[in-house]
């Protein structure tokens, strides 16, 4: 799966949970999306390159 495909999959999942009363799952989704994008510590990246903001 490409970086963009994975990001979009998590983004659709995020949209389903953005209004949950318990925010733990939503926060976990956002943290994973940061790792997909490359907006995290280098050791937490899921891909070697940053996903360009234009693609998001």
C-alpha atoms as a PDB file:
ATOM      1  CA  UNK A   1       0.000   0.000   0.000  1.00  0.00           C
ATOM      2  CA  UNK A   2       1.342   3.419  -0.846  1.00  0.00           C
ATOM      3  CA  UNK A   3       1.895   6.115   1.736  1.00  0.00           C
ATOM      4  CA  UNK A   4      -0.940   8.199   0.311  1.00  0.00           C
ATOM      5  CA  UNK A   5      -3.374   5.259   0.260  1.00  0.00           C
ATOM      6  CA  UNK A   6      -2.593   4.426   3.878  1.00  0.00           C
ATOM      7  CA  UNK A   7      -2.970   8.064   4.923  1.00  0.00           C
ATOM      8  CA  UNK A   8      -6.354   8.340   3.197  1.00  0.00           C
ATOM      9  CA  UNK A   9      -7.520   5.090   4.816  1.00  0.00           C
ATOM     10  CA  UNK A  10      -6.615   6.412   8.264  1.00  0.00           C
ATOM     11  CA  UNK A  11      -8.177   9.783   7.439  1.00  0.00           C
ATOM     12  CA  UNK A  12     -11.521   8.128   6.678  1.00  0.00           C
ATOM     13  CA  UNK A  13     -11.245   6.184   9.944  1.00  0.00           C
ATOM     14  CA  UNK A  14     -10.396   9.426  11.759  1.00  0.00           C
ATOM     15  CA  UNK A  15     -13.520  11.093  10.374  1.00  0.00           C
ATOM     16  CA  UNK A  16     -15.671   8.287  11.800  1.00  0.00           C
ATOM     17  CA  UNK A  17     -14.257   8.798  15.289  1.00  0.00           C
ATOM     18  CA  UNK A  18     -13.715  12.556  15.552  1.00  0.00           C
ATOM     19  CA  UNK A  19     -16.811  13.029  17.737  1.00  0.00           C
ATOM     20  CA  UNK A  20     -16.318  10.036  20.032  1.00  0.00           C
ATOM     21  CA  UNK A  21     -16.725  10.826  23.727  1.00  0.00           C
ATOM     22  CA  UNK A  22     -13.637   8.764  24.528  1.00  0.00           C
ATOM     23  CA  UNK A  23     -10.832  10.490  22.629  1.00  0.00           C
ATOM     24  CA  UNK A  24      -8.187   7.783  23.113  1.00  0.00           C
ATOM     25  CA  UNK A  25      -8.906   6.017  19.810  1.00  0.00           C
ATOM     26  CA  UNK A  26      -9.060   9.329  17.948  1.00  0.00           C
ATOM     27  CA  UNK A  27      -5.719  10.393  19.443  1.00  0.00           C
ATOM     28  CA  UNK A  28      -4.171   7.047  18.503  1.00  0.00           C
ATOM     29  CA  UNK A  29      -5.387   7.479  14.924  1.00  0.00           C
ATOM     30  CA  UNK A  30      -3.865  10.978  14.761  1.00  0.00           C
ATOM     31  CA  UNK A  31      -0.568   9.715  16.181  1.00  0.00           C
ATOM     32  CA  UNK A  32      -0.450   6.988  13.536  1.00  0.00           C
ATOM     33  CA  UNK A  33      -1.265   9.507  10.819  1.00  0.00           C
ATOM     34  CA  UNK A  34       1.708  11.579  11.996  1.00  0.00           C
ATOM     35  CA  UNK A  35       3.909   8.505  11.569  1.00  0.00           C
ATOM     36  CA  UNK A  36       2.504   7.936   8.080  1.00  0.00           C
ATOM     37  CA  UNK A  37       3.152  11.558   7.099  1.00  0.00           C
ATOM     38  CA  UNK A  38       6.627  11.614   8.596  1.00  0.00           C
ATOM     39  CA  UNK A  39       5.761  14.308  11.144  1.00  0.00           C
ATOM     40  CA  UNK A  40       7.412  12.423  13.984  1.00  0.00           C
ATOM     41  CA  UNK A  41      10.716  11.189  15.300  1.00  0.00           C
ATOM     42  CA  UNK A  42      12.707   9.480  12.539  1.00  0.00           C
ATOM     43  CA  UNK A  43      12.532   6.189  14.434  1.00  0.00           C
ATOM     44  CA  UNK A  44       8.696   6.283  14.367  1.00  0.00           C
ATOM     45  CA  UNK A  45       8.310   6.857  10.627  1.00  0.00           C
ATOM     46  CA  UNK A  46       6.416   4.253   8.652  1.00  0.00           C
ATOM     47  CA  UNK A  47       7.839   5.508   5.334  1.00  0.00           C
ATOM     48  CA  UNK A  48      11.260   6.937   4.566  1.00  0.00           C
ATOM     49  CA  UNK A  49       9.968  10.141   2.969  1.00  0.00           C
ATOM     50  CA  UNK A  50       7.512  12.808   4.095  1.00  0.00           C
ATOM     51  CA  UNK A  51       4.172  12.836   2.374  1.00  0.00           C
ATOM     52  CA  UNK A  52       3.954  16.169   0.520  1.00  0.00           C
ATOM     53  CA  UNK A  53       1.306  18.500   1.928  1.00  0.00           C
ATOM     54  CA  UNK A  54      -0.118  18.932  -1.578  1.00  0.00           C
ATOM     55  CA  UNK A  55      -1.065  15.230  -1.600  1.00  0.00           C
ATOM     56  CA  UNK A  56      -2.913  15.307   1.699  1.00  0.00           C
END
